[in-house]
């Protein structure tokens, strides 16, 4: 996946949800959008997990840590 921000990924997810909610897509198109959305969800979860782990390191060590 290209390097995007979490905010951009969430905006893309909102667009996909709105498109799927519209109900005007064929089954194949809807499935492709769903697959794209799930990839974005996995990517977002990985980014959030990484930041959470970095926060734990900061909290435990008391040292500065670059996010």
N, C-alpha and C. Protein backbone atom coordinates (compact mmCIF):
# COMPACT_ATOMS: atom_id res chain seq x y z
N UNK A 1 0.85 -1.18 0.00
CA UNK A 1 0.00 0.00 0.00
C UNK A 1 0.89 1.23 0.00
N UNK A 2 0.50 2.23 -0.77
CA UNK A 2 1.25 3.48 -0.81
C UNK A 2 1.24 4.12 0.56
N UNK A 3 2.24 4.97 0.82
CA UNK A 3 2.32 5.61 2.12
C UNK A 3 1.29 6.74 2.21
N UNK A 4 0.33 6.56 3.08
CA UNK A 4 -0.70 7.56 3.33
C UNK A 4 -0.80 7.76 4.83
N UNK A 5 -1.48 8.79 5.23
CA UNK A 5 -1.68 9.01 6.66
C UNK A 5 -2.89 8.20 7.13
N UNK A 6 -2.96 8.04 8.41
CA UNK A 6 -4.12 7.35 8.99
C UNK A 6 -5.40 8.10 8.67
N UNK A 7 -5.33 9.40 8.71
CA UNK A 7 -6.51 10.21 8.42
C UNK A 7 -6.98 10.01 6.98
N UNK A 8 -6.03 9.92 6.04
CA UNK A 8 -6.37 9.69 4.64
C UNK A 8 -6.99 8.30 4.46
N UNK A 9 -6.44 7.32 5.16
CA UNK A 9 -6.99 5.97 5.07
C UNK A 9 -8.41 5.92 5.60
N UNK A 10 -8.64 6.60 6.71
CA UNK A 10 -9.99 6.63 7.28
C UNK A 10 -10.97 7.36 6.35
N UNK A 11 -10.49 8.41 5.69
CA UNK A 11 -11.34 9.12 4.73
C UNK A 11 -11.69 8.20 3.56
N UNK A 12 -10.71 7.43 3.10
CA UNK A 12 -10.98 6.47 2.01
C UNK A 12 -11.99 5.42 2.45
N UNK A 13 -11.86 4.96 3.69
CA UNK A 13 -12.83 3.99 4.22
C UNK A 13 -14.23 4.58 4.25
N UNK A 14 -14.34 5.83 4.65
CA UNK A 14 -15.66 6.48 4.66
C UNK A 14 -16.24 6.58 3.26
N UNK A 15 -15.39 6.87 2.28
CA UNK A 15 -15.86 6.93 0.89
C UNK A 15 -16.35 5.56 0.41
N UNK A 16 -15.60 4.52 0.77
CA UNK A 16 -15.99 3.16 0.38
C UNK A 16 -17.32 2.79 1.02
N UNK A 17 -17.46 3.11 2.31
CA UNK A 17 -18.72 2.81 3.00
C UNK A 17 -19.89 3.54 2.37
N UNK A 18 -19.70 4.80 2.03
CA UNK A 18 -20.78 5.57 1.41
C UNK A 18 -21.13 4.98 0.05
N UNK A 19 -20.11 4.57 -0.69
CA UNK A 19 -20.35 3.97 -2.00
C UNK A 19 -21.10 2.65 -1.87
N UNK A 20 -20.69 1.82 -0.93
CA UNK A 20 -21.37 0.54 -0.72
C UNK A 20 -22.79 0.75 -0.21
N UNK A 21 -22.96 1.75 0.63
CA UNK A 21 -24.28 2.03 1.18
C UNK A 21 -25.25 2.51 0.10
N UNK A 22 -24.71 3.11 -0.96
CA UNK A 22 -25.56 3.59 -2.04
C UNK A 22 -26.29 2.48 -2.77
N UNK A 23 -25.72 1.28 -2.77
CA UNK A 23 -26.38 0.13 -3.36
C UNK A 23 -26.45 0.12 -4.87
N UNK A 24 -25.69 0.99 -5.52
CA UNK A 24 -25.77 1.04 -6.98
C UNK A 24 -24.69 0.21 -7.67
N UNK A 25 -23.89 -0.47 -6.92
CA UNK A 25 -22.79 -1.27 -7.49
C UNK A 25 -23.25 -2.70 -7.76
N UNK A 26 -22.62 -3.30 -8.77
CA UNK A 26 -22.87 -4.72 -9.02
C UNK A 26 -22.23 -5.53 -7.90
N UNK A 27 -22.57 -6.78 -7.82
CA UNK A 27 -22.01 -7.64 -6.79
C UNK A 27 -20.49 -7.68 -6.89
N UNK A 28 -19.97 -7.79 -8.10
CA UNK A 28 -18.53 -7.86 -8.29
C UNK A 28 -17.85 -6.56 -7.86
N UNK A 29 -18.45 -5.42 -8.23
CA UNK A 29 -17.90 -4.14 -7.84
C UNK A 29 -17.96 -3.96 -6.32
N UNK A 30 -19.06 -4.34 -5.74
CA UNK A 30 -19.22 -4.22 -4.29
C UNK A 30 -18.21 -5.09 -3.57
N UNK A 31 -17.97 -6.29 -4.08
CA UNK A 31 -16.98 -7.17 -3.44
C UNK A 31 -15.59 -6.58 -3.55
N UNK A 32 -15.25 -5.99 -4.69
CA UNK A 32 -13.93 -5.37 -4.86
C UNK A 32 -13.77 -4.20 -3.90
N UNK A 33 -14.81 -3.39 -3.74
CA UNK A 33 -14.76 -2.29 -2.78
C UNK A 33 -14.61 -2.81 -1.36
N UNK A 34 -15.34 -3.87 -1.05
CA UNK A 34 -15.25 -4.48 0.28
C UNK A 34 -13.83 -4.96 0.55
N UNK A 35 -13.22 -5.62 -0.44
CA UNK A 35 -11.85 -6.12 -0.29
C UNK A 35 -10.88 -4.95 -0.08
N UNK A 36 -11.06 -3.87 -0.84
CA UNK A 36 -10.22 -2.69 -0.65
C UNK A 36 -10.39 -2.11 0.75
N UNK A 37 -11.63 -2.06 1.20
CA UNK A 37 -11.91 -1.55 2.54
C UNK A 37 -11.28 -2.40 3.62
N UNK A 38 -11.34 -3.70 3.46
CA UNK A 38 -10.73 -4.59 4.47
C UNK A 38 -9.21 -4.43 4.50
N UNK A 39 -8.60 -4.22 3.34
CA UNK A 39 -7.16 -3.96 3.31
C UNK A 39 -6.83 -2.67 4.06
N UNK A 40 -7.65 -1.64 3.85
CA UNK A 40 -7.45 -0.39 4.58
C UNK A 40 -7.64 -0.58 6.09
N UNK A 41 -8.63 -1.36 6.49
CA UNK A 41 -8.86 -1.62 7.91
C UNK A 41 -7.65 -2.32 8.53
N UNK A 42 -7.12 -3.32 7.84
CA UNK A 42 -5.93 -4.02 8.35
C UNK A 42 -4.74 -3.06 8.47
N UNK A 43 -4.57 -2.21 7.45
CA UNK A 43 -3.47 -1.24 7.47
C UNK A 43 -3.63 -0.27 8.64
N UNK A 44 -4.84 0.25 8.83
CA UNK A 44 -5.11 1.17 9.95
C UNK A 44 -4.85 0.50 11.29
N UNK A 45 -5.31 -0.73 11.44
CA UNK A 45 -5.09 -1.46 12.69
C UNK A 45 -3.61 -1.64 12.97
N UNK A 46 -2.82 -1.94 11.95
CA UNK A 46 -1.38 -2.12 12.12
C UNK A 46 -0.74 -0.81 12.56
N UNK A 47 -1.14 0.30 11.95
CA UNK A 47 -0.59 1.61 12.33
C UNK A 47 -0.96 1.95 13.77
N UNK A 48 -2.20 1.73 14.14
CA UNK A 48 -2.65 2.03 15.50
C UNK A 48 -1.93 1.14 16.51
N UNK A 49 -1.77 -0.15 16.20
CA UNK A 49 -1.04 -1.06 17.09
C UNK A 49 0.39 -0.60 17.30
N UNK A 50 1.02 -0.13 16.22
CA UNK A 50 2.41 0.34 16.31
C UNK A 50 2.51 1.52 17.25
N UNK A 51 1.60 2.47 17.12
CA UNK A 51 1.62 3.66 17.98
C UNK A 51 1.33 3.26 19.42
N UNK A 52 0.39 2.36 19.64
CA UNK A 52 0.10 1.91 21.00
C UNK A 52 1.32 1.27 21.65
N UNK A 53 2.05 0.46 20.90
CA UNK A 53 3.25 -0.18 21.44
C UNK A 53 4.32 0.86 21.75
N UNK A 54 4.45 1.87 20.88
CA UNK A 54 5.42 2.93 21.14
C UNK A 54 5.04 3.71 22.39
N UNK A 55 3.76 3.94 22.61
CA UNK A 55 3.30 4.64 23.81
C UNK A 55 3.63 3.82 25.06
N UNK A 56 3.47 2.51 24.98
CA UNK A 56 3.81 1.66 26.12
C UNK A 56 5.29 1.74 26.44
N UNK A 57 6.12 1.76 25.40
CA UNK A 57 7.56 1.86 25.60
C UNK A 57 7.90 3.18 26.29
N UNK A 58 7.27 4.25 25.85
CA UNK A 58 7.52 5.56 26.45
C UNK A 58 7.11 5.55 27.92
N UNK A 59 5.94 5.01 28.18
CA UNK A 59 5.41 4.99 29.53
C UNK A 59 6.30 4.17 30.46
N UNK A 60 6.78 3.02 29.96
CA UNK A 60 7.57 2.13 30.79
C UNK A 60 8.99 2.64 31.01
N UNK A 61 9.56 3.24 29.98
CA UNK A 61 10.96 3.65 30.10
C UNK A 61 11.13 5.09 30.59
N UNK A 62 10.13 5.90 30.31
CA UNK A 62 10.25 7.30 30.67
C UNK A 62 11.16 8.07 29.73
N UNK A 63 11.72 7.39 28.74
CA UNK A 63 12.61 8.02 27.76
C UNK A 63 11.80 8.63 26.63
N UNK A 64 12.42 9.57 25.95
CA UNK A 64 11.81 10.13 24.75
C UNK A 64 11.85 9.09 23.65
N UNK A 65 10.79 9.01 22.90
CA UNK A 65 10.69 8.05 21.81
C UNK A 65 9.98 8.71 20.66
N UNK A 66 10.61 8.65 19.49
CA UNK A 66 10.02 9.32 18.32
C UNK A 66 8.89 8.48 17.75
N UNK A 67 7.72 9.10 17.64
CA UNK A 67 6.57 8.44 17.00
C UNK A 67 6.70 8.68 15.55
